[in-house]
Amino acid sequence: MKVMGDFEDIIETNVIHELEWLREEFDYLFRFKKDRLSQKDIEIANQIIDCVINHYSGTLDDKTVDLLSKSIEAIVKCYPGLIT
């Protein structure tokens, strides 16, 4: 059973790194447009979020859902109106 625990830890660590990348990517893409987001920016942001959710859709355990939710909440807090 130790192997399964190690595997789950590795998966969780990878998810954490990918979600950190997601927040950094949003900052890179939208930080200079914060006050003047276009409809295209909103569409791109939502497409990115949809792709990330679809990527994890088959592996969403409670921890992953929580990490994903917190990441999306942080993005929404930083960029209100960007994610619909």
Protein backbone atom coordinates (compact mmCIF):
# COMPACT_ATOMS: atom_id res chain seq x y z
CA MET A 1 0.00 0.00 0.00
CA LYS A 2 2.95 2.34 0.43
CA VAL A 3 3.37 2.43 -3.34
CA MET A 4 -0.21 3.70 -3.80
CA GLY A 5 0.37 6.43 -1.19
CA ASP A 6 3.58 7.50 -2.93
CA PHE A 7 1.79 7.54 -6.28
CA GLU A 8 -1.02 9.71 -4.88
CA ASP A 9 1.54 12.11 -3.37
CA ILE A 10 3.29 12.40 -6.74
CA ILE A 11 -0.01 13.06 -8.51
CA GLU A 12 -0.98 15.69 -5.93
CA THR A 13 2.42 17.39 -6.25
CA ASN A 14 2.05 17.48 -10.04
CA VAL A 15 -1.45 18.94 -9.77
CA ILE A 16 -0.19 21.62 -7.37
CA HIS A 17 2.59 22.58 -9.81
CA GLU A 18 0.21 22.68 -12.76
CA LEU A 19 -2.27 24.86 -10.86
CA GLU A 20 0.54 27.21 -9.80
CA TRP A 21 1.43 27.43 -13.48
CA LEU A 22 -2.22 28.22 -14.26
CA ARG A 23 -2.28 31.16 -11.84
CA GLU A 24 1.06 32.43 -13.17
CA GLU A 25 -0.21 32.09 -16.75
CA PHE A 26 -3.31 34.15 -15.97
CA ASP A 27 -1.11 36.79 -14.37
CA TYR A 28 1.16 36.84 -17.42
CA LEU A 29 -1.74 37.02 -19.88
CA PHE A 30 -4.03 39.46 -18.11
CA ARG A 31 -2.16 41.59 -15.54
CA PHE A 32 -1.75 44.54 -17.90
CA LYS A 33 -5.35 44.29 -19.07
CA LYS A 34 -6.91 44.11 -15.63
CA ASP A 35 -8.92 47.30 -16.03
CA ARG A 36 -9.79 46.87 -19.69
CA LEU A 37 -10.63 43.25 -20.38
CA SER A 38 -12.15 42.63 -23.79
CA GLN A 39 -14.74 40.02 -24.68
CA LYS A 40 -11.94 38.06 -26.40
CA ASP A 41 -9.91 38.06 -23.15
CA ILE A 42 -12.93 36.67 -21.30
CA GLU A 43 -13.42 33.98 -23.95
CA ILE A 44 -9.75 32.97 -23.80
CA ALA A 45 -9.77 32.83 -20.00
CA ASN A 46 -12.87 30.64 -19.97
CA GLN A 47 -11.41 28.35 -22.64
CA ILE A 48 -8.27 27.90 -20.55
CA ILE A 49 -10.31 27.07 -17.43
CA ASP A 50 -12.52 24.66 -19.41
CA CYS A 51 -9.44 22.87 -20.77
CA VAL A 52 -7.94 22.51 -17.30
CA ILE A 53 -11.22 21.17 -15.89
CA ASN A 54 -11.56 18.75 -18.82
CA HIS A 55 -7.96 17.63 -18.31
CA TYR A 56 -8.72 16.62 -14.73
CA SER A 57 -12.28 15.39 -15.31
CA GLY A 58 -11.33 11.71 -15.20
CA THR A 59 -9.14 12.02 -12.12
CA LEU A 60 -11.07 14.40 -9.93
CA ASP A 61 -10.81 13.14 -6.39
CA ASP A 62 -11.74 15.37 -3.45
CA LYS A 63 -8.22 16.79 -3.03
CA THR A 64 -7.90 17.65 -6.71
CA VAL A 65 -11.34 19.28 -6.78
CA ASP A 66 -10.39 21.34 -3.73
CA LEU A 67 -7.06 22.41 -5.24
CA LEU A 68 -8.69 23.26 -8.56
CA SER A 69 -11.48 25.21 -6.86
CA LYS A 70 -9.02 27.21 -4.77
CA SER A 71 -6.95 28.04 -7.84
CA ILE A 72 -9.96 29.21 -9.80
CA GLU A 73 -11.19 31.23 -6.81
CA ALA A 74 -7.78 32.94 -6.56
CA ILE A 75 -7.91 33.82 -10.26
CA VAL A 76 -11.48 35.15 -9.97
CA LYS A 77 -10.50 37.23 -6.93
CA CYS A 78 -7.53 38.70 -8.76
CA TYR A 79 -9.39 39.20 -12.06
CA PRO A 80 -13.07 39.82 -11.31
CA GLY A 81 -15.28 39.49 -14.36
CA LEU A 82 -12.76 37.40 -16.27
CA ILE A 83 -14.20 33.97 -15.49
CA THR A 84 -17.91 33.46 -16.13
